[in-house]
C-alpha cells in the first residue's frame, strides 16, 4: 500500500496528507483497507511464533517498509499500516510492541525496545466533532542508532530520540531527546549524560576471557 496501488483518488489524497503531517481522514475506506491488510499479516506473524522463521521473514518483508539483517521482533507485534515502518539491522523489539505508523517511523540500527512499548505517530483531533468524524494528524518518529527504550515507554509523534540514549521504563516521550543521555518521566526529561564513568568493564572482561 505504500505506493497507493488500488486506491481511489480521494484515498490517495488522504494518504498523502497523512504521511506529510497534514490533518487527514483516518476513517477513509482505503486507509481502513490498508489497516486490515496489516492486521492480517501481523496476526499470522504472531501466531507462527518461533516455529517457522522463514515464513516470519516473508511476512515482515510484506508488512514493513524495510527490515535489516539480524532484526528480532517478538510477538505480539502490532502496527497500524506497517509500510511506513523502517527497521535497521540488529534491532531487538521485545514482546507486545505497538506501532501506529500513520507517519514514517524510522528505527535505526542496534535499537533495543523493551516489552509493552508504544510508538504512536498519530493523534486524534482535540475538537469532539472533528474527532468523531475521523480527523487525525500524524508526525514522524525517529529512534537513532543504539537507542534503548525501557518497558512500557510511549513515544509520541514528532519525536526523535538521539543516538545512544536510554529512556527509562514507564516514560512518555513528548519532545526530542538528545544523544547519549538518560531521560525519564512523564513527560520524559534528561536526568544525566552517559559518559565513560557508566562503563562497567564488561567488554574488557570478555576480551581478557577469550585470550
N, C-alpha and C. Protein backbone atom coordinates (compact mmCIF):
# COMPACT_ATOMS: atom_id res chain seq x y z
N UNK A 1 0.81 -1.22 0.00
CA UNK A 1 0.00 0.00 0.00
C UNK A 1 0.85 1.27 0.00
N UNK A 2 2.15 1.16 0.20
CA UNK A 2 2.97 2.36 0.26
C UNK A 2 3.00 3.10 -1.06
N UNK A 3 2.75 2.38 -2.18
CA UNK A 3 2.75 3.04 -3.48
C UNK A 3 1.34 3.44 -3.91
N UNK A 4 0.38 3.33 -3.02
CA UNK A 4 -1.01 3.74 -3.23
C UNK A 4 -1.72 2.90 -4.29
N UNK A 5 -1.18 1.73 -4.59
CA UNK A 5 -1.78 0.87 -5.61
C UNK A 5 -3.21 0.48 -5.23
N UNK A 6 -4.13 0.66 -6.16
CA UNK A 6 -5.51 0.27 -5.95
C UNK A 6 -6.36 1.26 -5.19
N UNK A 7 -5.79 2.38 -4.77
CA UNK A 7 -6.57 3.36 -4.01
C UNK A 7 -7.38 4.26 -4.94
N UNK A 8 -8.50 4.72 -4.43
CA UNK A 8 -9.28 5.74 -5.12
C UNK A 8 -8.52 7.07 -5.09
N UNK A 9 -8.97 8.01 -5.91
CA UNK A 9 -8.32 9.32 -5.93
C UNK A 9 -8.43 10.01 -4.58
N UNK A 10 -9.61 9.91 -3.95
CA UNK A 10 -9.76 10.54 -2.64
C UNK A 10 -8.89 9.85 -1.59
N UNK A 11 -8.73 8.52 -1.73
CA UNK A 11 -7.86 7.79 -0.81
C UNK A 11 -6.41 8.22 -0.95
N UNK A 12 -5.96 8.43 -2.18
CA UNK A 12 -4.59 8.90 -2.41
C UNK A 12 -4.37 10.27 -1.80
N UNK A 13 -5.39 11.12 -1.88
CA UNK A 13 -5.27 12.46 -1.29
C UNK A 13 -5.13 12.36 0.22
N UNK A 14 -5.99 11.55 0.86
CA UNK A 14 -5.93 11.43 2.32
C UNK A 14 -4.63 10.76 2.77
N UNK A 15 -4.17 9.77 1.99
CA UNK A 15 -2.89 9.12 2.32
C UNK A 15 -1.74 10.10 2.26
N UNK A 16 -1.71 10.90 1.21
CA UNK A 16 -0.65 11.89 1.06
C UNK A 16 -0.68 12.91 2.18
N UNK A 17 -1.87 13.32 2.58
CA UNK A 17 -1.99 14.25 3.71
C UNK A 17 -1.49 13.58 4.99
N UNK A 18 -1.82 12.31 5.16
CA UNK A 18 -1.44 11.58 6.37
C UNK A 18 0.07 11.53 6.54
N UNK A 19 0.79 11.11 5.49
CA UNK A 19 2.23 10.87 5.63
C UNK A 19 3.04 12.16 5.59
N UNK A 20 2.41 13.28 5.27
CA UNK A 20 3.12 14.57 5.23
C UNK A 20 2.72 15.48 6.38
N UNK A 21 2.03 14.94 7.38
CA UNK A 21 1.77 15.70 8.60
C UNK A 21 0.58 16.62 8.56
N UNK A 22 -0.27 16.50 7.55
CA UNK A 22 -1.47 17.33 7.48
C UNK A 22 -2.64 16.60 8.13
N UNK A 23 -3.67 17.34 8.48
CA UNK A 23 -4.88 16.72 9.01
C UNK A 23 -5.52 15.87 7.91
N UNK A 24 -5.86 14.63 8.24
CA UNK A 24 -6.40 13.70 7.25
C UNK A 24 -7.59 12.94 7.83
N UNK A 25 -8.31 12.25 6.94
CA UNK A 25 -9.46 11.45 7.34
C UNK A 25 -9.00 10.04 7.67
N UNK A 26 -8.86 9.74 8.94
CA UNK A 26 -8.36 8.44 9.36
C UNK A 26 -9.36 7.33 9.08
N UNK A 27 -10.62 7.69 8.91
CA UNK A 27 -11.67 6.70 8.67
C UNK A 27 -11.94 6.47 7.19
N UNK A 28 -11.09 7.01 6.33
CA UNK A 28 -11.30 6.80 4.89
C UNK A 28 -11.25 5.30 4.58
N UNK A 29 -12.16 4.79 3.74
CA UNK A 29 -12.22 3.34 3.45
C UNK A 29 -10.90 2.77 2.95
N UNK A 30 -10.15 3.51 2.16
CA UNK A 30 -8.88 2.99 1.65
C UNK A 30 -7.83 2.85 2.75
N UNK A 31 -7.85 3.77 3.70
CA UNK A 31 -6.93 3.65 4.84
C UNK A 31 -7.36 2.49 5.72
N UNK A 32 -8.67 2.29 5.87
CA UNK A 32 -9.16 1.13 6.62
C UNK A 32 -8.72 -0.18 5.97
N UNK A 33 -8.74 -0.25 4.63
CA UNK A 33 -8.30 -1.46 3.94
C UNK A 33 -6.82 -1.72 4.17
N UNK A 34 -6.01 -0.66 4.14
CA UNK A 34 -4.59 -0.81 4.40
C UNK A 34 -4.35 -1.28 5.84
N UNK A 35 -5.15 -0.78 6.75
CA UNK A 35 -5.06 -1.19 8.16
C UNK A 35 -5.41 -2.67 8.30
N UNK A 36 -6.46 -3.11 7.60
CA UNK A 36 -6.88 -4.51 7.66
C UNK A 36 -5.80 -5.42 7.08
N UNK A 37 -5.17 -5.00 5.98
CA UNK A 37 -4.09 -5.78 5.38
C UNK A 37 -2.97 -6.00 6.39
N UNK A 38 -2.57 -4.93 7.10
CA UNK A 38 -1.52 -5.04 8.10
C UNK A 38 -1.92 -5.98 9.22
N UNK A 39 -3.17 -5.87 9.67
CA UNK A 39 -3.63 -6.71 10.78
C UNK A 39 -3.61 -8.18 10.42
N UNK A 40 -3.99 -8.51 9.19
CA UNK A 40 -3.94 -9.90 8.76
C UNK A 40 -2.52 -10.43 8.79
N UNK A 41 -1.57 -9.61 8.33
CA UNK A 41 -0.18 -10.05 8.28
C UNK A 41 0.42 -10.20 9.66
N UNK A 42 0.22 -9.20 10.56
CA UNK A 42 0.86 -9.33 11.86
C UNK A 42 0.18 -10.38 12.73
N UNK A 43 -1.10 -10.65 12.48
CA UNK A 43 -1.77 -11.73 13.20
C UNK A 43 -1.17 -13.08 12.84
N UNK A 44 -0.92 -13.29 11.54
CA UNK A 44 -0.26 -14.53 11.12
C UNK A 44 1.16 -14.61 11.69
N UNK A 45 1.88 -13.49 11.64
CA UNK A 45 3.24 -13.46 12.17
C UNK A 45 3.27 -13.87 13.63
N UNK A 46 2.40 -13.30 14.42
CA UNK A 46 2.38 -13.60 15.86
C UNK A 46 1.98 -15.04 16.13
N UNK A 47 1.10 -15.59 15.32
CA UNK A 47 0.63 -16.96 15.52
C UNK A 47 1.75 -17.97 15.25
N UNK A 48 2.64 -17.66 14.33
CA UNK A 48 3.71 -18.59 13.98
C UNK A 48 4.70 -18.80 15.11
N UNK A 49 4.93 -17.77 15.91
CA UNK A 49 5.92 -17.87 16.97
C UNK A 49 7.28 -18.18 16.40
N UNK A 50 8.04 -19.07 17.04
CA UNK A 50 9.39 -19.39 16.60
C UNK A 50 9.44 -20.62 15.69
N UNK A 51 8.29 -21.20 15.34
CA UNK A 51 8.28 -22.47 14.61
C UNK A 51 8.62 -22.33 13.14
N UNK A 52 8.41 -21.15 12.55
CA UNK A 52 8.60 -21.00 11.12
C UNK A 52 9.27 -19.66 10.81
N UNK A 53 10.57 -19.54 11.12
CA UNK A 53 11.25 -18.26 10.92
C UNK A 53 11.29 -17.83 9.45
N UNK A 54 11.30 -18.79 8.52
CA UNK A 54 11.31 -18.42 7.11
C UNK A 54 10.03 -17.68 6.74
N UNK A 55 8.89 -18.23 7.14
CA UNK A 55 7.62 -17.57 6.84
C UNK A 55 7.51 -16.24 7.59
N UNK A 56 8.01 -16.19 8.81
CA UNK A 56 8.00 -14.93 9.54
C UNK A 56 8.77 -13.85 8.78
N UNK A 57 9.92 -14.22 8.23
CA UNK A 57 10.71 -13.26 7.46
C UNK A 57 9.96 -12.78 6.23
N UNK A 58 9.25 -13.70 5.57
CA UNK A 58 8.45 -13.33 4.41
C UNK A 58 7.36 -12.34 4.78
N UNK A 59 6.72 -12.57 5.93
CA UNK A 59 5.66 -11.68 6.36
C UNK A 59 6.20 -10.29 6.67
N UNK A 60 7.33 -10.23 7.37
CA UNK A 60 7.90 -8.92 7.69
C UNK A 60 8.26 -8.16 6.42
N UNK A 61 8.74 -8.86 5.41
CA UNK A 61 9.07 -8.21 4.14
C UNK A 61 7.82 -7.62 3.49
N UNK A 62 6.70 -8.33 3.59
CA UNK A 62 5.44 -7.84 3.04
C UNK A 62 4.86 -6.71 3.89
N UNK A 63 5.02 -6.82 5.20
CA UNK A 63 4.35 -5.92 6.13
C UNK A 63 5.05 -4.58 6.26
N UNK A 64 6.38 -4.60 6.38
CA UNK A 64 7.13 -3.40 6.73
C UNK A 64 7.71 -2.71 5.49
N UNK A 65 8.03 -1.43 5.66
CA UNK A 65 8.71 -0.72 4.58
C UNK A 65 10.06 -1.35 4.29
N UNK A 66 10.82 -1.65 5.33
CA UNK A 66 12.07 -2.40 5.20
C UNK A 66 12.48 -2.90 6.57
N UNK A 67 13.27 -3.98 6.58
CA UNK A 67 13.77 -4.54 7.83
C UNK A 67 15.18 -5.06 7.59
N UNK A 68 16.11 -4.70 8.49
CA UNK A 68 17.50 -5.03 8.32
C UNK A 68 17.87 -6.43 8.81
N UNK A 69 19.11 -6.81 8.55
CA UNK A 69 19.60 -8.12 8.95
C UNK A 69 19.71 -8.22 10.48
N UNK A 70 19.38 -9.39 10.97
CA UNK A 70 19.53 -9.65 12.39
C UNK A 70 18.47 -9.02 13.27
N UNK A 71 17.44 -8.43 12.67
CA UNK A 71 16.37 -7.83 13.47
C UNK A 71 15.51 -8.93 14.08
N UNK A 72 15.15 -8.75 15.34
CA UNK A 72 14.28 -9.69 16.06
C UNK A 72 13.05 -8.94 16.53
N UNK A 73 11.87 -9.48 16.16
CA UNK A 73 10.61 -8.86 16.57
C UNK A 73 9.76 -9.94 17.24
N UNK A 74 9.58 -9.82 18.55
CA UNK A 74 8.84 -10.81 19.31
C UNK A 74 7.33 -10.57 19.19
N UNK A 75 6.53 -11.64 19.36
CA UNK A 75 5.08 -11.44 19.46
C UNK A 75 4.73 -10.81 20.81
N UNK A 76 3.61 -10.20 20.96
CA UNK A 76 2.63 -9.93 19.92
C UNK A 76 2.90 -8.54 19.36
N UNK A 77 3.49 -8.51 18.18
CA UNK A 77 3.79 -7.26 17.50
C UNK A 77 2.56 -6.78 16.74
N UNK A 78 2.26 -5.48 16.87
CA UNK A 78 1.11 -4.91 16.16
C UNK A 78 1.50 -3.56 15.58
N UNK A 79 0.90 -3.25 14.44
CA UNK A 79 1.16 -1.96 13.82
C UNK A 79 -0.09 -1.48 13.10
N UNK A 80 -0.09 -0.21 12.75
CA UNK A 80 -1.25 0.39 12.08
C UNK A 80 -1.28 0.03 10.60
N UNK A 81 -0.17 0.30 9.91
CA UNK A 81 -0.12 0.10 8.46
C UNK A 81 1.10 -0.72 8.04
N UNK A 82 2.18 -0.61 8.79
CA UNK A 82 3.36 -1.41 8.53
C UNK A 82 4.29 -0.83 7.48
N UNK A 83 3.73 -0.39 6.35
CA UNK A 83 4.56 0.05 5.23
C UNK A 83 5.32 1.34 5.52
N UNK A 84 4.93 2.05 6.57
CA UNK A 84 5.64 3.28 6.93
C UNK A 84 6.71 3.06 8.00
N UNK A 85 7.00 1.79 8.30
CA UNK A 85 7.99 1.44 9.32
C UNK A 85 9.28 0.99 8.65
N UNK A 86 10.39 1.61 9.04
CA UNK A 86 11.72 1.21 8.58
C UNK A 86 12.52 0.74 9.79
N UNK A 87 13.00 -0.50 9.74
CA UNK A 87 13.74 -1.09 10.85
C UNK A 87 15.14 -1.46 10.37
N UNK A 88 16.15 -1.01 11.11
CA UNK A 88 17.53 -1.27 10.74
C UNK A 88 18.02 -2.64 11.15
N UNK A 89 19.33 -2.82 11.13
CA UNK A 89 19.95 -4.10 11.46
C UNK A 89 20.17 -4.23 12.97
N UNK A 90 20.14 -5.49 13.43
CA UNK A 90 20.42 -5.83 14.84
C UNK A 90 19.49 -5.09 15.80
N UNK A 91 18.27 -4.89 15.37
CA UNK A 91 17.24 -4.29 16.23
C UNK A 91 16.55 -5.41 17.00
N UNK A 92 16.25 -5.17 18.27
CA UNK A 92 15.52 -6.15 19.08
C UNK A 92 14.26 -5.49 19.62
N UNK A 93 13.12 -5.96 19.14
CA UNK A 93 11.81 -5.46 19.60
C UNK A 93 11.18 -6.56 20.44
N UNK A 94 11.02 -6.30 21.71
CA UNK A 94 10.53 -7.32 22.64
C UNK A 94 9.00 -7.41 22.59
N UNK A 95 8.45 -8.22 23.49
CA UNK A 95 7.04 -8.59 23.44
C UNK A 95 6.09 -7.39 23.51
N UNK A 96 4.97 -7.53 22.76
CA UNK A 96 3.82 -6.62 22.87
C UNK A 96 4.11 -5.19 22.46
N UNK A 97 4.90 -5.01 21.43
CA UNK A 97 5.15 -3.67 20.90
C UNK A 97 4.01 -3.28 19.95
N UNK A 98 3.57 -2.02 20.05
CA UNK A 98 2.54 -1.49 19.16
C UNK A 98 3.07 -0.22 18.50
N UNK A 99 3.02 -0.18 17.17
CA UNK A 99 3.49 0.97 16.41
C UNK A 99 2.36 1.50 15.53
N UNK A 100 1.96 2.74 15.77
CA UNK A 100 0.96 3.40 14.93
C UNK A 100 1.72 4.26 13.93
N UNK A 101 1.91 3.72 12.74
CA UNK A 101 2.82 4.30 11.75
C UNK A 101 2.08 5.05 10.64
N UNK A 102 1.15 5.91 11.02
CA UNK A 102 0.47 6.73 10.01
C UNK A 102 1.42 7.76 9.41
N UNK A 103 2.44 8.12 10.14
CA UNK A 103 3.59 8.86 9.60
C UNK A 103 4.78 7.91 9.64
N UNK A 104 5.87 8.24 8.93
CA UNK A 104 7.03 7.35 8.95
C UNK A 104 7.59 7.14 10.35
N UNK A 105 7.89 5.88 10.67
CA UNK A 105 8.57 5.51 11.91
C UNK A 105 9.87 4.85 11.51
N UNK A 106 10.99 5.47 11.89
CA UNK A 106 12.32 5.01 11.48
C UNK A 106 13.09 4.55 12.70
N UNK A 107 13.44 3.27 12.71
CA UNK A 107 14.19 2.67 13.81
C UNK A 107 15.56 2.28 13.26
N UNK A 108 16.59 2.98 13.70
CA UNK A 108 17.93 2.76 13.17
C UNK A 108 18.56 1.49 13.75
N UNK A 109 19.80 1.22 13.37
CA UNK A 109 20.49 0.00 13.78
C UNK A 109 20.69 -0.05 15.30
N UNK A 110 20.74 -1.29 15.81
CA UNK A 110 21.14 -1.56 17.20
C UNK A 110 20.20 -0.95 18.24
N UNK A 111 18.96 -0.75 17.86
CA UNK A 111 17.96 -0.23 18.81
C UNK A 111 17.36 -1.39 19.59
N UNK A 112 17.18 -1.18 20.89
CA UNK A 112 16.52 -2.16 21.75
C UNK A 112 15.22 -1.57 22.26
N UNK A 113 14.16 -2.34 22.12
CA UNK A 113 12.83 -1.91 22.57
C UNK A 113 12.29 -2.96 23.53
N UNK A 114 12.06 -2.56 24.76
CA UNK A 114 11.63 -3.48 25.81
C UNK A 114 10.15 -3.83 25.66
N UNK A 115 9.63 -4.76 26.48
CA UNK A 115 8.22 -5.15 26.35
C UNK A 115 7.24 -3.99 26.57
N UNK A 116 6.13 -4.11 25.85
CA UNK A 116 4.96 -3.23 26.01
C UNK A 116 5.28 -1.76 25.71
N UNK A 117 6.10 -1.54 24.70
CA UNK A 117 6.40 -0.18 24.25
C UNK A 117 5.42 0.23 23.16
N UNK A 118 5.03 1.51 23.15
CA UNK A 118 4.16 2.05 22.12
C UNK A 118 4.81 3.22 21.40
N UNK A 119 4.85 3.15 20.07
CA UNK A 119 5.32 4.26 19.24
C UNK A 119 4.10 4.78 18.48
N UNK A 120 3.61 5.95 18.88
CA UNK A 120 2.32 6.45 18.40
C UNK A 120 2.52 7.71 17.58
N UNK A 121 2.65 7.54 16.26
CA UNK A 121 2.93 8.68 15.38
C UNK A 121 1.70 9.54 15.13
N UNK A 122 0.52 9.00 15.35
CA UNK A 122 -0.70 9.74 15.01
C UNK A 122 -1.45 10.21 16.25
N UNK A 123 -2.28 11.22 16.05
CA UNK A 123 -3.03 11.80 17.16
C UNK A 123 -4.39 12.26 16.65
N UNK A 124 -5.44 12.00 17.43
CA UNK A 124 -6.78 12.43 17.05
C UNK A 124 -6.97 13.93 17.32
N UNK A 125 -7.92 14.52 16.60
CA UNK A 125 -8.24 15.94 16.79
C UNK A 125 -8.77 16.18 18.20
N UNK A 126 -8.47 17.36 18.76
CA UNK A 126 -8.98 17.71 20.08
C UNK A 126 -10.48 18.04 20.05
N UNK A 127 -10.91 18.70 18.98
CA UNK A 127 -12.32 19.05 18.86
C UNK A 127 -13.17 17.79 18.71
N UNK A 128 -14.23 17.68 19.51
CA UNK A 128 -15.03 16.46 19.52
C UNK A 128 -15.67 16.16 18.17
N UNK A 129 -16.24 17.16 17.54
CA UNK A 129 -16.92 16.94 16.25
C UNK A 129 -15.94 16.48 15.19
N UNK A 130 -14.76 17.11 15.15
CA UNK A 130 -13.74 16.67 14.19
C UNK A 130 -13.26 15.26 14.50
N UNK A 131 -13.08 14.99 15.79
CA UNK A 131 -12.54 13.69 16.19
C UNK A 131 -13.46 12.54 15.80
N UNK A 132 -14.76 12.68 16.07
CA UNK A 132 -15.68 11.57 15.78
C UNK A 132 -15.92 11.41 14.29
N UNK A 133 -15.51 12.40 13.51
CA UNK A 133 -15.61 12.29 12.05
C UNK A 133 -14.28 11.91 11.41
N UNK A 134 -13.31 11.50 12.22
CA UNK A 134 -12.11 10.88 11.69
C UNK A 134 -10.90 11.77 11.53
N UNK A 135 -10.93 12.99 12.07
CA UNK A 135 -9.79 13.89 11.89
C UNK A 135 -8.60 13.44 12.73
N UNK A 136 -7.45 13.26 12.06
CA UNK A 136 -6.20 12.88 12.73
C UNK A 136 -5.05 13.66 12.10
N UNK A 137 -3.94 13.68 12.82
CA UNK A 137 -2.72 14.28 12.29
C UNK A 137 -1.55 13.45 12.79
N UNK A 138 -0.64 13.10 11.87
CA UNK A 138 0.48 12.21 12.21
C UNK A 138 1.81 12.91 11.95
N UNK A 139 2.79 12.61 12.81
CA UNK A 139 4.14 13.17 12.65
C UNK A 139 5.17 12.07 12.86
N UNK A 140 6.31 12.15 12.18
CA UNK A 140 7.29 11.06 12.21
C UNK A 140 7.90 10.82 13.59
N UNK A 141 8.37 9.59 13.77
CA UNK A 141 9.15 9.19 14.93
C UNK A 141 10.48 8.62 14.43
N UNK A 142 11.57 9.02 15.07
CA UNK A 142 12.90 8.50 14.72
C UNK A 142 13.61 8.04 15.99
N UNK A 143 14.06 6.79 15.97
CA UNK A 143 14.93 6.26 17.03
C UNK A 143 16.30 6.05 16.40
N UNK A 144 17.28 6.86 16.80
CA UNK A 144 18.59 6.79 16.18
C UNK A 144 19.40 5.60 16.70
N UNK A 145 20.58 5.39 16.13
CA UNK A 145 21.39 4.21 16.39
C UNK A 145 21.64 4.00 17.88
N UNK A 146 21.39 2.76 18.32
CA UNK A 146 21.75 2.37 19.68
C UNK A 146 20.83 2.87 20.77
N UNK A 147 19.65 3.36 20.43
CA UNK A 147 18.68 3.79 21.45
C UNK A 147 18.15 2.57 22.19
N UNK A 148 17.87 2.75 23.49
CA UNK A 148 17.22 1.71 24.29
C UNK A 148 15.99 2.33 24.95
N UNK A 149 14.82 1.76 24.64
CA UNK A 149 13.58 2.17 25.27
C UNK A 149 13.21 1.13 26.32
N UNK A 150 13.04 1.57 27.58
CA UNK A 150 12.66 0.67 28.64
C UNK A 150 11.21 0.23 28.54
N UNK A 151 10.83 -0.72 29.39
CA UNK A 151 9.47 -1.27 29.37
C UNK A 151 8.40 -0.23 29.56
N UNK A 152 7.30 -0.39 28.81
CA UNK A 152 6.12 0.47 28.92
C UNK A 152 6.38 1.92 28.50
N UNK A 153 7.44 2.18 27.78
CA UNK A 153 7.69 3.53 27.27
C UNK A 153 6.71 3.84 26.14
N UNK A 154 6.28 5.10 26.09
CA UNK A 154 5.47 5.60 24.98
C UNK A 154 6.22 6.74 24.32
N UNK A 155 6.35 6.67 22.99
CA UNK A 155 6.95 7.76 22.22
C UNK A 155 5.89 8.32 21.29
N UNK A 156 5.69 9.63 21.35
CA UNK A 156 4.65 10.28 20.57
C UNK A 156 5.19 10.84 19.26
N UNK A 157 4.29 11.17 18.36
CA UNK A 157 4.66 11.67 17.05
C UNK A 157 5.46 12.96 17.12
N UNK A 158 6.37 13.12 16.15
CA UNK A 158 7.20 14.30 16.09
C UNK A 158 8.46 14.22 16.90
N UNK A 159 8.76 13.05 17.48
CA UNK A 159 9.89 12.90 18.40
C UNK A 159 11.05 12.18 17.71
N UNK A 160 12.26 12.68 17.94
CA UNK A 160 13.49 11.98 17.61
C UNK A 160 14.25 11.71 18.91
N UNK A 161 14.62 10.45 19.12
CA UNK A 161 15.46 10.09 20.27
C UNK A 161 16.88 9.90 19.73
N UNK A 162 17.82 10.69 20.27
CA UNK A 162 19.17 10.72 19.75
C UNK A 162 19.97 9.44 20.01
N UNK A 163 20.99 9.24 19.19
CA UNK A 163 21.80 8.03 19.22
C UNK A 163 22.34 7.74 20.61
N UNK A 164 22.23 6.46 21.02
CA UNK A 164 22.82 6.01 22.27
C UNK A 164 22.02 6.35 23.51
N UNK A 165 20.91 7.04 23.38
CA UNK A 165 20.17 7.46 24.57
C UNK A 165 19.29 6.35 25.12
N UNK A 166 18.99 6.46 26.41
CA UNK A 166 18.19 5.47 27.12
C UNK A 166 16.96 6.18 27.69
N UNK A 167 15.78 5.61 27.45
CA UNK A 167 14.54 6.14 28.01
C UNK A 167 14.07 5.19 29.10
N UNK A 168 13.95 5.70 30.33
CA UNK A 168 13.60 4.87 31.47
C UNK A 168 12.20 4.30 31.39
N UNK A 169 12.02 3.14 32.00
CA UNK A 169 10.74 2.42 31.97
C UNK A 169 9.59 3.31 32.41
N UNK A 170 8.48 3.20 31.68
CA UNK A 170 7.27 3.92 32.01
C UNK A 170 7.23 5.36 31.57
N UNK A 171 8.25 5.83 30.88
CA UNK A 171 8.30 7.24 30.47
C UNK A 171 7.41 7.50 29.26
N UNK A 172 6.99 8.76 29.12
CA UNK A 172 6.24 9.22 27.96
C UNK A 172 7.07 10.31 27.29
N UNK A 173 7.51 10.05 26.06
CA UNK A 173 8.43 10.96 25.37
C UNK A 173 7.61 11.85 24.44
N UNK A 174 7.56 13.13 24.77
CA UNK A 174 6.72 14.08 24.02
C UNK A 174 7.53 15.07 23.21
N UNK A 175 8.87 15.08 23.39
CA UNK A 175 9.72 16.01 22.66
C UNK A 175 11.06 15.36 22.38
N UNK A 176 11.86 15.94 21.50
CA UNK A 176 13.15 15.36 21.12
C UNK A 176 14.05 15.16 22.33
N UNK A 177 14.81 14.06 22.27
CA UNK A 177 15.79 13.73 23.30
C UNK A 177 17.17 13.73 22.63
N UNK A 178 18.17 14.41 23.20
CA UNK A 178 19.50 14.47 22.57
C UNK A 178 20.23 13.13 22.66
N UNK A 179 21.40 13.07 22.06
CA UNK A 179 22.21 11.87 22.06
C UNK A 179 22.83 11.58 23.44
N UNK A 180 23.00 10.29 23.71
CA UNK A 180 23.81 9.82 24.85
C UNK A 180 23.39 10.40 26.19
N UNK A 181 22.07 10.33 26.44
CA UNK A 181 21.55 10.76 27.74
C UNK A 181 20.58 9.71 28.25
N UNK A 182 20.27 9.81 29.54
CA UNK A 182 19.17 9.05 30.14
C UNK A 182 18.03 10.03 30.40
N UNK A 183 16.83 9.68 29.92
CA UNK A 183 15.66 10.52 30.15
C UNK A 183 14.55 9.67 30.76
N UNK A 184 13.85 10.24 31.74
CA UNK A 184 12.77 9.51 32.41
C UNK A 184 11.64 10.47 32.71
N UNK A 185 10.45 9.89 32.96
CA UNK A 185 9.32 10.68 33.45
C UNK A 185 8.24 10.91 32.42
N UNK A 186 7.21 11.62 32.85
CA UNK A 186 6.08 11.98 32.01
C UNK A 186 5.75 13.47 32.24
N UNK A 187 6.20 14.31 31.26
CA UNK A 187 6.96 13.98 30.07
C UNK A 187 8.42 13.67 30.40
N UNK A 188 9.06 12.87 29.53
CA UNK A 188 10.44 12.46 29.78
C UNK A 188 11.38 13.66 29.78
N UNK A 189 12.26 13.70 30.80
CA UNK A 189 13.25 14.77 30.92
C UNK A 189 14.63 14.14 31.11
N UNK A 190 15.64 14.81 30.58
CA UNK A 190 17.01 14.32 30.71
C UNK A 190 17.44 14.43 32.17
N UNK A 191 17.96 13.32 32.72
CA UNK A 191 18.45 13.34 34.11
C UNK A 191 19.96 13.19 34.19
N UNK A 192 20.58 12.68 33.13
CA UNK A 192 22.04 12.56 33.15
C UNK A 192 22.55 12.32 31.73
N UNK A 193 23.82 12.67 31.52
CA UNK A 193 24.52 12.31 30.29
C UNK A 193 25.25 10.99 30.52
N UNK A 194 25.31 10.18 29.49
CA UNK A 194 26.02 8.90 29.57
C UNK A 194 27.49 9.15 29.22
N UNK A 195 28.38 8.78 30.13
CA UNK A 195 29.82 9.02 29.95
C UNK A 195 30.60 7.73 30.17
N UNK A 196 31.91 7.81 30.05
CA UNK A 196 32.75 6.64 30.30
C UNK A 196 32.63 6.14 31.73
N UNK A 197 32.20 7.00 32.64
CA UNK A 197 32.02 6.57 34.02
C UNK A 197 30.92 5.53 34.17
N UNK A 198 30.03 5.45 33.16
CA UNK A 198 28.94 4.48 33.21
C UNK A 198 29.34 3.09 32.73
N UNK A 199 30.56 2.97 32.20
CA UNK A 199 31.03 1.66 31.76
C UNK A 199 31.30 0.76 32.96
N UNK A 200 31.00 -0.53 32.80
CA UNK A 200 31.14 -1.50 33.89
C UNK A 200 32.40 -2.34 33.78
N UNK A 201 33.13 -2.22 32.67
CA UNK A 201 34.28 -3.08 32.45
C UNK A 201 33.92 -4.40 31.78
N UNK A 202 32.69 -4.53 31.37
CA UNK A 202 32.19 -5.78 30.79
C UNK A 202 32.98 -6.19 29.55
N UNK A 203 33.21 -5.27 28.62
CA UNK A 203 33.91 -5.63 27.38
C UNK A 203 35.35 -6.04 27.64
N UNK A 204 36.00 -5.35 28.54
CA UNK A 204 37.38 -5.72 28.88
C UNK A 204 37.43 -7.12 29.47
N UNK A 205 36.45 -7.44 30.31
CA UNK A 205 36.40 -8.78 30.90
C UNK A 205 36.23 -9.85 29.82
N UNK A 206 35.34 -9.58 28.85
CA UNK A 206 35.13 -10.54 27.77
C UNK A 206 36.39 -10.72 26.94
N UNK A 207 37.04 -9.60 26.63
CA UNK A 207 38.26 -9.67 25.82
C UNK A 207 39.36 -10.45 26.52
N UNK A 208 39.49 -10.24 27.83
CA UNK A 208 40.52 -10.96 28.59
C UNK A 208 40.17 -12.45 28.73
N UNK A 209 38.90 -12.74 28.86
CA UNK A 209 38.46 -14.13 28.99
C UNK A 209 38.76 -14.93 27.74
N UNK A 210 38.62 -14.29 26.58
CA UNK A 210 38.76 -15.01 25.31
C UNK A 210 40.20 -15.08 24.81
N UNK A 211 41.14 -14.50 25.56
CA UNK A 211 42.53 -14.56 25.11
C UNK A 211 43.15 -15.93 25.42
